[in-house]
Amino acid sequence: MAVPHGGLAAAEPYKLAAGDQIRVVIPEAPDLSGTYVLGEDGGAAIPIGAPLILEGMSIAQAGDAIRRALEKTLVSPTVMVELAQLRPFFILGDVNNAGPYPARFRLTVVKAVAIAGGFKGQSDPYTATVTGIRASETMQVGARQLLEARVEYARLQAELSGAETFDASSVSATGANAQDLAAVVTRETDIFETRKVGLQRQIEFLAKEAGIRNDEIAALTARIKATDAQLEALKTEIGSTEELVKKELMLRQMIFQLRREEGQVLSTNLQTAVLLNQARQAKTQLEIQMMNISRDRKLEVLDRIKEVNATIERLGRQLSADRAVIVESESSTSPRQQSDVLTTYRITREDGTVLDNISSETEPVLPGDVVEVRRKLADMPQN
């Protein structure tokens, strides 16, 4: 015999599934009577052998299945089955106490929200007022930080493009006052000018150093040409002297002296070549440094732009959250238009069916459903 839960009957027989609790009464076998929860496999662990798979059955069908299993050991057993507790539904999103709750017949989304402690942020007027005040303070700080990040972003973009001046006219004082905007723009303009002048001075200094190296290279090159000419003259003189020696003229001493002078000139020429090579290397390093300094500055600016962008996105989300908290606070302490807060629901059924953007508060919630509550301000400005 099957007993309906709570005396309520659905339009069609309720189908059992994992998580449902059934109460079984067997007069002929009191030790088998009790409450059983259907496991993940849909089976009830009644100690009469292997778990009975009851998933998909009605209460009446479950009673018949248990009775047939008992008839293997008992003669004409009596089995009474009732639904002790429906399997849970799950609620998440903008509610105070998200989680699983036992399902009920004729459950709607608004009743499910009530079971989960109401919409998030709703509380007694005192708590709501305190929360609203704190959110207002946080929002003011966040608005100032967002303004600073936006002005810094504009300054970095100006640096990256090589602009001569910093123009922050595209930045508006959203959420902050005009004085804040003027102060931040003044500060960032000073930073822009300081960094621009500093970069120019660095490049000018390096260019001056490169010019000095150019002069040094020219002087050393001229010196090498002069010593080359001197070397050629000495070679010519040595050749002439050797001819005189061949003619048995007593000029050996002169040849020795000339050889020594030749060695000194070769040594000077070698030293000069070394200095020339060092000067050329120094010039190359300066040229590389001049190219790298602008590249490094751009890389630094690009990295900072990424950081500022992330800050802007974070502060934008924070301000939106603060605005939502303030609206919830005001809704708890003063009457508001229903259109101010838009509430929608998303329900995922056990079979995978998804009902999205539901606005009706009477939408049924079935056992095993996952309900997501979404709330936003209908007139909330965009960041």
Protein backbone atom coordinates (compact mmCIF):
# COMPACT_ATOMS: atom_id res chain seq x y z
CA MET A 1 0.00 0.00 0.00
CA ALA A 2 1.44 3.43 -0.95
CA VAL A 3 0.82 6.52 1.17
CA PRO A 4 1.16 9.96 -0.53
CA HIS A 5 3.50 12.42 1.17
CA GLY A 6 1.69 14.92 3.36
CA GLY A 7 -1.65 14.01 1.78
CA LEU A 8 -0.67 15.91 -1.40
CA ALA A 9 -1.00 14.33 -4.83
CA ALA A 10 0.72 15.74 -7.89
CA ALA A 11 -0.90 15.95 -11.32
CA GLU A 12 1.08 12.86 -12.23
CA PRO A 13 2.73 10.30 -9.92
CA TYR A 14 5.93 11.53 -8.30
CA LYS A 15 9.01 9.72 -9.64
CA LEU A 16 11.73 8.73 -7.20
CA ALA A 17 15.36 9.67 -7.77
CA ALA A 18 18.69 9.87 -5.91
CA GLY A 19 18.38 11.87 -2.69
CA ASP A 20 14.72 11.01 -1.99
CA GLN A 21 13.91 9.47 1.40
CA ILE A 22 11.22 6.81 1.70
CA ARG A 23 9.70 5.30 4.83
CA VAL A 24 9.04 1.55 4.57
CA VAL A 25 6.79 -0.33 7.03
CA ILE A 26 6.75 -4.16 6.89
CA PRO A 27 4.63 -5.63 9.75
CA GLU A 28 5.88 -9.16 9.09
CA ALA A 29 9.53 -8.00 9.31
CA PRO A 30 9.82 -5.05 11.74
CA ASP A 31 13.63 -5.18 11.57
CA LEU A 32 13.41 -4.28 7.87
CA SER A 33 11.12 -1.32 8.48
CA GLY A 34 12.72 2.14 8.50
CA THR A 35 13.66 5.19 6.44
CA TYR A 36 15.93 4.73 3.45
CA VAL A 37 17.69 7.28 1.22
CA LEU A 38 18.07 6.53 -2.47
CA GLY A 39 21.76 6.57 -3.34
CA GLU A 40 23.50 7.97 -6.40
CA ASP A 41 22.58 4.81 -8.31
CA GLY A 42 18.91 5.27 -7.41
CA GLY A 43 18.94 2.24 -5.15
CA ALA A 44 17.58 1.82 -1.61
CA ALA A 45 19.81 -0.24 0.71
CA ILE A 46 17.02 -2.33 2.25
CA PRO A 47 18.78 -5.37 3.77
CA ILE A 48 17.09 -8.02 1.65
CA GLY A 49 19.96 -8.59 -0.77
CA ALA A 50 21.34 -6.23 -3.41
CA PRO A 51 20.08 -2.62 -3.25
CA LEU A 52 16.73 -2.23 -4.98
CA ILE A 53 16.92 0.26 -7.85
CA LEU A 54 13.82 2.40 -7.36
CA GLU A 55 14.79 5.45 -9.42
CA GLY A 56 12.09 6.46 -11.88
CA MET A 57 9.37 4.56 -10.01
CA SER A 58 6.29 6.01 -8.37
CA ILE A 59 5.62 5.36 -4.66
CA ALA A 60 3.16 2.60 -5.58
CA GLN A 61 5.62 0.99 -7.97
CA ALA A 62 8.36 1.13 -5.32
CA GLY A 63 6.06 -0.67 -2.85
CA ASP A 64 5.34 -3.39 -5.42
CA ALA A 65 9.07 -3.82 -6.15
CA ILE A 66 9.89 -4.21 -2.44
CA ARG A 67 7.02 -6.68 -1.94
CA ARG A 68 8.20 -8.84 -4.88
CA ALA A 69 11.72 -8.93 -3.41
CA LEU A 70 10.34 -9.98 0.01
CA GLU A 71 8.18 -12.76 -1.46
CA LYS A 72 11.37 -14.76 -1.97
CA THR A 73 11.58 -15.21 1.82
CA LEU A 74 8.13 -14.21 3.21
CA VAL A 75 4.64 -15.41 2.39
CA SER A 76 2.27 -12.62 1.23
CA PRO A 77 4.15 -9.80 3.01
CA THR A 78 2.47 -6.45 3.60
CA VAL A 79 4.52 -3.43 2.49
CA MET A 80 3.60 0.20 3.11
CA VAL A 81 5.76 2.91 1.52
CA GLU A 82 5.51 6.67 1.90
CA LEU A 83 7.67 9.56 0.80
CA ALA A 84 9.50 10.75 3.94
CA GLN A 85 11.37 13.65 2.35
CA LEU A 86 11.80 14.94 -1.17
CA ARG A 87 15.30 15.09 -2.60
CA PRO A 88 16.86 18.55 -2.18
CA PHE A 89 16.85 21.45 -4.57
CA PHE A 90 19.86 23.79 -4.75
CA ILE A 91 19.80 27.57 -4.68
CA LEU A 92 22.71 29.93 -5.31
CA GLY A 93 23.42 33.48 -6.41
CA ASP A 94 22.04 36.60 -4.74
CA VAL A 95 20.54 34.97 -1.65
CA ASN A 96 21.71 35.18 1.95
CA ASN A 97 22.15 31.42 2.54
CA ALA A 98 22.93 29.53 -0.64
CA GLY A 99 22.99 25.73 -0.53
CA PRO A 100 20.82 22.59 -0.74
CA TYR A 101 17.38 22.49 0.92
CA PRO A 102 14.73 19.74 1.10
CA ALA A 103 12.26 20.21 -1.74
CA ARG A 104 8.52 20.64 -1.20
CA PHE A 105 5.44 20.23 -3.32
CA ARG A 106 4.11 23.43 -4.93
CA LEU A 107 7.47 25.16 -4.34
CA THR A 108 8.05 28.35 -6.39
CA VAL A 109 11.17 30.44 -6.95
CA VAL A 110 10.06 33.15 -4.54
CA LYS A 111 9.36 30.54 -1.84
CA ALA A 112 12.81 29.05 -2.54
CA VAL A 113 14.39 32.48 -1.99
CA ALA A 114 12.53 32.76 1.32
CA ILE A 115 13.84 29.34 2.40
CA ALA A 116 17.38 30.52 1.55
CA GLY A 117 17.08 33.54 3.88
CA GLY A 118 15.85 36.13 1.37
CA PHE A 119 17.70 38.18 -1.20
CA LYS A 120 21.32 38.97 -0.42
CA GLY A 121 21.81 42.27 1.34
CA GLN A 122 18.32 42.46 2.85
CA SER A 123 18.52 42.81 6.62
CA ASP A 124 17.21 44.87 9.50
CA PRO A 125 17.23 48.66 8.93
CA TYR A 126 20.12 49.32 11.36
CA THR A 127 22.44 46.76 9.72
CA ALA A 128 21.39 47.90 6.26
CA THR A 129 22.12 51.55 7.16
CA VAL A 130 25.58 50.70 8.52
CA THR A 131 26.32 48.58 5.46
CA GLY A 132 25.15 51.36 3.16
CA ILE A 133 27.33 53.96 4.93
CA ARG A 134 30.38 51.73 4.68
CA ALA A 135 29.65 50.98 1.03
CA SER A 136 29.31 54.73 0.37
CA GLU A 137 32.71 55.37 1.94
CA THR A 138 34.27 52.52 -0.02
CA MET A 139 32.65 53.81 -3.20
CA GLN A 140 34.07 57.30 -2.66
CA VAL A 141 37.57 55.90 -2.15
CA GLY A 142 37.13 53.61 -5.15
CA ALA A 143 35.88 56.48 -7.32
CA ARG A 144 38.98 58.53 -6.45
CA GLN A 145 41.27 55.56 -7.16
CA LEU A 146 39.48 54.86 -10.45
CA LEU A 147 39.86 58.52 -11.45
CA GLU A 148 43.58 58.44 -10.63
CA ALA A 149 44.03 55.22 -12.62
CA ARG A 150 42.23 56.67 -15.66
CA VAL A 151 44.31 59.85 -15.64
CA GLU A 152 47.52 57.83 -15.21
CA TYR A 153 46.43 55.62 -18.12
CA ALA A 154 45.95 58.71 -20.31
CA ARG A 155 49.40 60.01 -19.27
CA LEU A 156 51.04 56.67 -20.08
CA GLN A 157 49.38 56.60 -23.50
CA ALA A 158 50.74 60.09 -24.16
CA GLU A 159 54.24 58.94 -23.17
CA LEU A 160 53.95 55.86 -25.37
CA SER A 161 52.92 57.90 -28.42
CA GLY A 162 55.73 60.44 -27.88
CA ALA A 163 53.31 63.34 -27.44
CA GLU A 164 54.80 66.75 -26.63
CA THR A 165 52.03 67.60 -24.15
CA PHE A 166 49.69 65.67 -21.87
CA ASP A 167 45.98 66.20 -22.56
CA ALA A 168 43.52 64.67 -20.05
CA SER A 169 40.38 66.24 -21.49
CA SER A 170 38.99 62.81 -22.40
CA VAL A 171 38.83 61.75 -18.72
CA SER A 172 35.58 62.56 -16.93
CA ALA A 173 35.11 62.86 -13.16
CA THR A 174 32.63 59.94 -12.95
CA GLY A 175 31.93 59.28 -9.28
CA ALA A 176 34.37 62.01 -8.16
CA ASN A 177 34.22 65.80 -8.06
CA ALA A 178 35.87 68.26 -10.43
CA GLN A 179 38.42 69.33 -7.80
CA ASP A 180 39.65 65.76 -7.51
CA LEU A 181 40.00 65.57 -11.29
CA ALA A 182 41.92 68.86 -11.48
CA ALA A 183 44.30 67.81 -8.70
CA VAL A 184 45.01 64.42 -10.29
CA VAL A 185 45.51 65.96 -13.76
CA THR A 186 47.96 68.51 -12.32
CA ARG A 187 49.95 65.79 -10.59
CA GLU A 188 50.09 63.54 -13.67
CA THR A 189 51.00 66.52 -15.89
CA ASP A 190 53.96 67.28 -13.61
CA ILE A 191 55.02 63.64 -13.80
CA PHE A 192 54.67 63.69 -17.61
CA GLU A 193 56.83 66.81 -17.96
CA THR A 194 59.46 65.54 -15.51
CA ARG A 195 59.78 62.18 -17.26
CA LYS A 196 59.85 63.81 -20.71
CA VAL A 197 62.62 66.24 -19.72
CA GLY A 198 64.55 63.45 -18.00
CA LEU A 199 64.40 61.27 -21.10
CA GLN A 200 65.49 64.15 -23.34
CA ARG A 201 68.45 64.92 -21.08
CA GLN A 202 69.54 61.30 -21.06
CA ILE A 203 69.45 61.14 -24.86
CA GLU A 204 71.25 64.49 -25.19
CA PHE A 205 73.99 63.34 -22.80
CA LEU A 206 74.48 60.11 -24.72
CA ALA A 207 74.51 61.99 -28.04
CA LYS A 208 77.19 64.32 -26.67
CA GLU A 209 79.26 61.33 -25.55
CA ALA A 210 78.86 59.80 -29.01
CA GLY A 211 80.12 63.06 -30.57
CA ILE A 212 83.21 63.00 -28.37
CA ARG A 213 83.88 59.42 -29.46
CA ASN A 214 83.52 60.49 -33.11
CA ASP A 215 86.15 63.21 -32.61
CA GLU A 216 88.42 60.71 -30.88
CA ILE A 217 88.00 58.25 -33.77
CA ALA A 218 88.84 60.97 -36.32
CA ALA A 219 91.99 62.01 -34.41
CA LEU A 220 93.20 58.44 -34.03
CA THR A 221 92.50 57.71 -37.70
CA ALA A 222 94.57 60.77 -38.72
CA ARG A 223 97.34 59.65 -36.40
CA ILE A 224 97.42 56.21 -38.01
CA LYS A 225 97.62 57.79 -41.47
CA ALA A 226 100.54 59.96 -40.34
CA THR A 227 102.44 57.04 -38.82
CA ASP A 228 101.74 54.99 -41.97
CA ALA A 229 103.31 57.75 -44.07
CA GLN A 230 106.25 57.96 -41.66
CA LEU A 231 106.65 54.19 -41.88
CA GLU A 232 106.71 54.30 -45.67
CA ALA A 233 109.35 57.06 -45.59
CA LEU A 234 111.48 55.01 -43.19
CA LYS A 235 111.17 51.96 -45.38
CA THR A 236 112.30 53.98 -48.35
CA GLU A 237 115.23 55.35 -46.38
CA ILE A 238 116.11 51.86 -45.14
CA GLY A 239 116.10 50.63 -48.72
CA SER A 240 118.40 53.44 -49.76
CA THR A 241 120.71 52.79 -46.83
CA GLU A 242 120.84 49.09 -47.61
CA GLU A 243 121.89 50.01 -51.14
CA LEU A 244 124.68 52.11 -49.71
CA VAL A 245 125.75 49.19 -47.52
CA LYS A 246 125.81 46.98 -50.57
CA LYS A 247 128.18 49.50 -52.03
CA GLU A 248 130.31 48.87 -48.94
CA LEU A 249 129.61 52.26 -47.42
CA MET A 250 130.01 52.31 -43.65
CA LEU A 251 126.41 53.04 -42.80
CA ARG A 252 125.60 50.04 -40.60
CA GLN A 253 125.14 52.24 -37.60
CA MET A 254 122.64 54.32 -39.50
CA ILE A 255 120.69 51.17 -40.50
CA PHE A 256 120.55 50.02 -36.88
CA GLN A 257 119.23 53.39 -35.78
CA LEU A 258 116.66 53.37 -38.53
CA ARG A 259 115.58 49.83 -37.61
CA ARG A 260 115.06 50.91 -34.03
CA GLU A 261 113.03 53.90 -35.15
CA GLU A 262 110.99 51.58 -37.38
CA GLY A 263 110.23 49.36 -34.38
CA GLN A 264 109.12 52.34 -32.32
CA VAL A 265 106.82 53.54 -35.12
CA LEU A 266 105.33 50.04 -35.51
CA SER A 267 104.72 49.90 -31.74
CA THR A 268 103.06 53.34 -31.80
CA ASN A 269 100.95 52.29 -34.79
CA LEU A 270 99.84 49.11 -32.96
CA GLN A 271 98.91 51.06 -29.81
CA THR A 272 96.97 53.56 -31.90
CA ALA A 273 95.10 50.71 -33.64
CA VAL A 274 94.16 49.30 -30.23
CA LEU A 275 92.89 52.71 -29.07
CA LEU A 276 90.96 53.10 -32.33
CA ASN A 277 89.28 49.74 -31.85
CA GLN A 278 88.38 50.65 -28.26
CA ALA A 279 86.93 53.98 -29.40
CA ARG A 280 84.84 52.27 -32.06
CA GLN A 281 83.53 49.74 -29.52
CA ALA A 282 82.66 52.54 -27.10
CA LYS A 283 80.79 54.39 -29.86
CA THR A 284 78.88 51.23 -30.78
CA GLN A 285 77.90 50.71 -27.13
CA LEU A 286 76.69 54.30 -26.89
CA GLU A 287 74.62 53.91 -30.06
CA ILE A 288 73.08 50.69 -28.72
CA GLN A 289 72.39 52.36 -25.37
CA MET A 290 70.71 55.31 -27.13
CA MET A 291 68.46 52.92 -29.07
CA ASN A 292 67.69 50.80 -26.02
CA ILE A 293 66.80 53.64 -23.68
CA SER A 294 63.77 54.65 -25.75
CA ARG A 295 62.77 51.00 -26.24
CA ASP A 296 63.07 50.27 -22.51
CA ARG A 297 60.97 53.33 -21.68
CA LYS A 298 58.23 52.10 -24.04
CA LEU A 299 58.35 48.60 -22.54
CA GLU A 300 58.11 50.12 -19.06
CA VAL A 301 55.11 52.20 -20.11
CA LEU A 302 53.40 49.19 -21.74
CA ASP A 303 53.83 47.12 -18.55
CA ARG A 304 52.42 49.95 -16.46
CA ILE A 305 49.48 50.33 -18.87
CA LYS A 306 48.59 46.67 -18.28
CA GLU A 307 48.69 47.19 -14.51
CA VAL A 308 46.57 50.35 -14.70
CA ASN A 309 44.05 48.61 -16.99
CA ALA A 310 43.68 45.81 -14.44
CA THR A 311 43.22 48.40 -11.69
CA ILE A 312 40.54 50.21 -13.71
CA GLU A 313 38.63 46.94 -14.27
CA ARG A 314 38.89 45.98 -10.58
CA LEU A 315 37.74 49.38 -9.37
CA GLY A 316 34.88 49.37 -11.88
CA ARG A 317 33.65 46.04 -10.48
CA GLN A 318 34.09 47.34 -6.92
CA LEU A 319 32.06 50.47 -7.63
CA SER A 320 29.27 48.41 -9.20
CA ALA A 321 29.19 46.16 -6.15
CA ASP A 322 29.17 49.17 -3.79
CA ARG A 323 26.28 50.73 -5.71
CA ALA A 324 24.33 47.47 -5.44
CA VAL A 325 24.94 47.32 -1.66
CA ILE A 326 23.81 50.94 -1.27
CA VAL A 327 20.60 50.25 -3.21
CA GLU A 328 19.94 47.17 -1.05
CA SER A 329 20.54 49.33 2.04
CA GLU A 330 18.13 51.99 0.85
CA SER A 331 15.52 49.36 -0.04
CA SER A 332 15.65 48.12 3.57
CA THR A 333 15.22 51.60 5.12
CA SER A 334 12.97 53.43 2.65
CA PRO A 335 10.39 52.47 0.01
CA ARG A 336 11.75 52.12 -3.53
CA GLN A 337 10.26 51.54 -6.92
CA GLN A 338 10.11 47.86 -7.85
CA SER A 339 11.73 48.73 -11.19
CA ASP A 340 14.96 49.77 -9.42
CA VAL A 341 16.05 46.14 -8.86
CA LEU A 342 15.65 43.57 -11.62
CA THR A 343 15.43 39.97 -10.38
CA THR A 344 15.70 37.00 -12.75
CA TYR A 345 16.12 33.28 -12.18
CA ARG A 346 17.93 30.47 -13.98
CA ILE A 347 16.71 26.91 -13.32
CA THR A 348 18.62 23.80 -14.37
CA ARG A 349 16.55 20.63 -14.23
CA GLU A 350 17.89 17.18 -13.44
CA ASP A 351 17.50 16.17 -17.11
CA GLY A 352 19.74 19.06 -18.20
CA THR A 353 16.93 21.38 -19.30
CA VAL A 354 17.82 25.03 -18.63
CA LEU A 355 15.21 27.74 -18.06
CA ASP A 356 16.96 31.10 -18.24
CA ASN A 357 15.98 34.73 -17.57
CA ILE A 358 12.83 33.77 -15.68
CA SER A 359 11.10 36.77 -14.13
CA SER A 360 7.93 35.12 -12.82
CA GLU A 361 8.02 34.54 -9.05
CA THR A 362 5.56 31.66 -9.39
CA GLU A 363 7.81 29.53 -11.58
CA PRO A 364 7.75 25.98 -10.05
CA VAL A 365 10.87 24.56 -8.42
CA LEU A 366 11.11 20.77 -8.65
CA PRO A 367 13.13 18.37 -6.53
CA GLY A 368 16.71 18.25 -7.78
CA ASP A 369 16.51 21.66 -9.50
CA VAL A 370 19.41 24.10 -9.32
CA VAL A 371 18.10 27.67 -8.95
CA GLU A 372 20.39 30.64 -9.58
CA VAL A 373 19.11 34.03 -8.37
CA ARG A 374 20.35 37.09 -10.23
CA ARG A 375 19.70 40.69 -9.15
CA LYS A 376 20.93 43.93 -10.68
CA LEU A 377 19.96 47.58 -10.73
CA ALA A 378 17.75 48.36 -13.69
CA ASP A 379 19.04 51.94 -13.90
CA MET A 380 22.64 51.37 -12.77
CA PRO A 381 25.05 53.47 -14.91
CA GLN A 382 27.86 51.72 -16.73
CA ASN A 383 31.52 52.39 -15.88
